[in-house]
Amino acid sequence: MKAHSSRRLEPQNASSQSRQRKLLRTLWVHLNTSTKICLQHEMTSGSFA
């Protein structure tokens, strides 16, 4: 019974892990794009000059 239940839980765990990885990747991309936009805005406004 134990082996059967653990085997049944494996695919669910894997799918949740991949979902978390996708979420993290999208968050990371969003952060990168937002920081790039902020940097470009500051450079064009001349605060770095």
N, C-alpha and C. Protein backbone atom coordinates (compact mmCIF):
# COMPACT_ATOMS: atom_id res chain seq x y z
N MET A 1 0.83 -1.21 0.00
CA MET A 1 0.00 0.00 0.00
C MET A 1 0.87 1.27 0.00
N LYS A 2 1.92 1.25 0.80
CA LYS A 2 2.78 2.44 0.89
C LYS A 2 3.41 2.77 -0.46
N ALA A 3 4.00 1.76 -1.10
CA ALA A 3 4.66 1.98 -2.39
C ALA A 3 3.64 2.50 -3.41
N HIS A 4 2.43 1.97 -3.38
CA HIS A 4 1.41 2.40 -4.34
C HIS A 4 1.05 3.87 -4.14
N SER A 5 0.88 4.27 -2.89
CA SER A 5 0.49 5.66 -2.61
C SER A 5 1.62 6.62 -2.99
N SER A 6 2.86 6.25 -2.70
CA SER A 6 4.00 7.12 -3.03
C SER A 6 4.14 7.26 -4.54
N ARG A 7 3.89 6.14 -5.26
CA ARG A 7 4.00 6.16 -6.71
C ARG A 7 2.92 7.08 -7.30
N ARG A 8 1.75 7.10 -6.65
CA ARG A 8 0.64 7.91 -7.15
C ARG A 8 0.91 9.40 -6.90
N LEU A 9 1.68 9.72 -5.87
CA LEU A 9 1.94 11.12 -5.52
C LEU A 9 3.07 11.73 -6.35
N GLU A 10 3.91 10.89 -6.93
CA GLU A 10 5.07 11.40 -7.68
C GLU A 10 4.71 12.35 -8.83
N PRO A 11 3.83 11.96 -9.76
CA PRO A 11 3.51 12.84 -10.89
C PRO A 11 2.94 14.18 -10.45
N GLN A 12 2.10 14.19 -9.42
CA GLN A 12 1.55 15.45 -8.90
C GLN A 12 2.67 16.36 -8.44
N ASN A 13 3.63 15.81 -7.73
CA ASN A 13 4.75 16.60 -7.22
C ASN A 13 5.56 17.18 -8.37
N ALA A 14 5.82 16.36 -9.38
CA ALA A 14 6.61 16.80 -10.53
C ALA A 14 5.90 17.94 -11.26
N SER A 15 4.58 17.81 -11.43
CA SER A 15 3.83 18.85 -12.14
C SER A 15 3.85 20.15 -11.35
N SER A 16 3.73 20.07 -10.03
CA SER A 16 3.75 21.27 -9.20
C SER A 16 5.12 21.93 -9.25
N GLN A 17 6.18 21.11 -9.28
CA GLN A 17 7.54 21.65 -9.37
C GLN A 17 7.74 22.41 -10.67
N SER A 18 7.29 21.83 -11.78
CA SER A 18 7.43 22.49 -13.09
C SER A 18 6.62 23.78 -13.11
N ARG A 19 5.45 23.75 -12.47
CA ARG A 19 4.60 24.95 -12.41
C ARG A 19 5.32 26.05 -11.64
N GLN A 20 5.93 25.67 -10.51
CA GLN A 20 6.67 26.64 -9.71
C GLN A 20 7.84 27.21 -10.51
N ARG A 21 8.52 26.35 -11.27
CA ARG A 21 9.67 26.80 -12.06
C ARG A 21 9.21 27.80 -13.12
N LYS A 22 8.07 27.51 -13.77
CA LYS A 22 7.53 28.42 -14.78
C LYS A 22 7.18 29.76 -14.13
N LEU A 23 6.57 29.72 -12.96
CA LEU A 23 6.19 30.95 -12.25
C LEU A 23 7.44 31.77 -11.93
N LEU A 24 8.47 31.10 -11.42
CA LEU A 24 9.71 31.79 -11.08
C LEU A 24 10.34 32.41 -12.32
N ARG A 25 10.31 31.68 -13.42
CA ARG A 25 10.92 32.19 -14.66
C ARG A 25 10.18 33.44 -15.13
N THR A 26 8.84 33.39 -15.11
CA THR A 26 8.05 34.53 -15.55
C THR A 26 8.28 35.73 -14.63
N LEU A 27 8.37 35.47 -13.32
CA LEU A 27 8.65 36.54 -12.36
C LEU A 27 10.00 37.16 -12.64
N TRP A 28 11.00 36.31 -12.88
CA TRP A 28 12.37 36.78 -13.15
C TRP A 28 12.40 37.64 -14.40
N VAL A 29 11.72 37.17 -15.47
CA VAL A 29 11.66 37.93 -16.73
C VAL A 29 10.98 39.27 -16.50
N HIS A 30 9.89 39.25 -15.73
CA HIS A 30 9.15 40.48 -15.44
C HIS A 30 10.04 41.47 -14.69
N LEU A 31 10.78 40.96 -13.71
CA LEU A 31 11.69 41.80 -12.93
C LEU A 31 12.77 42.40 -13.84
N ASN A 32 13.35 41.56 -14.68
CA ASN A 32 14.41 42.02 -15.58
C ASN A 32 13.91 43.12 -16.52
N THR A 33 12.73 42.89 -17.11
CA THR A 33 12.19 43.88 -18.04
C THR A 33 11.86 45.18 -17.32
N SER A 34 11.29 45.10 -16.12
CA SER A 34 10.93 46.31 -15.38
C SER A 34 12.18 47.10 -14.99
N THR A 35 13.25 46.40 -14.57
CA THR A 35 14.49 47.10 -14.20
C THR A 35 15.12 47.73 -15.43
N LYS A 36 15.05 47.04 -16.57
CA LYS A 36 15.61 47.59 -17.81
C LYS A 36 14.87 48.88 -18.19
N ILE A 37 13.54 48.85 -18.07
CA ILE A 37 12.73 50.02 -18.41
C ILE A 37 13.09 51.17 -17.46
N CYS A 38 13.23 50.86 -16.18
CA CYS A 38 13.58 51.89 -15.19
C CYS A 38 14.95 52.48 -15.52
N LEU A 39 15.92 51.63 -15.86
CA LEU A 39 17.27 52.11 -16.20
C LEU A 39 17.22 52.99 -17.43
N GLN A 40 16.49 52.56 -18.45
CA GLN A 40 16.38 53.35 -19.68
C GLN A 40 15.74 54.69 -19.38
N HIS A 41 14.70 54.69 -18.54
CA HIS A 41 14.00 55.93 -18.21
C HIS A 41 14.95 56.89 -17.48
N GLU A 42 15.74 56.36 -16.55
CA GLU A 42 16.67 57.20 -15.80
C GLU A 42 17.77 57.74 -16.70
N MET A 43 18.23 56.90 -17.63
CA MET A 43 19.29 57.33 -18.54
C MET A 43 18.78 58.42 -19.49
N THR A 44 17.54 58.27 -19.95
CA THR A 44 16.97 59.27 -20.86
C THR A 44 16.65 60.56 -20.10
N SER A 45 16.24 60.44 -18.85
CA SER A 45 15.92 61.63 -18.07
C SER A 45 17.19 62.35 -17.62
N GLY A 46 18.33 61.64 -17.61
CA GLY A 46 19.62 62.26 -17.34
C GLY A 46 20.00 62.27 -15.87
N SER A 47 19.50 61.32 -15.08
CA SER A 47 19.88 61.28 -13.66
C SER A 47 21.25 60.62 -13.49
N PHE A 48 21.67 59.83 -14.49
CA PHE A 48 22.97 59.15 -14.42
C PHE A 48 24.10 60.04 -14.92
N ALA A 49 23.75 61.06 -15.69
CA ALA A 49 24.77 61.92 -16.30
C ALA A 49 25.51 62.73 -15.25
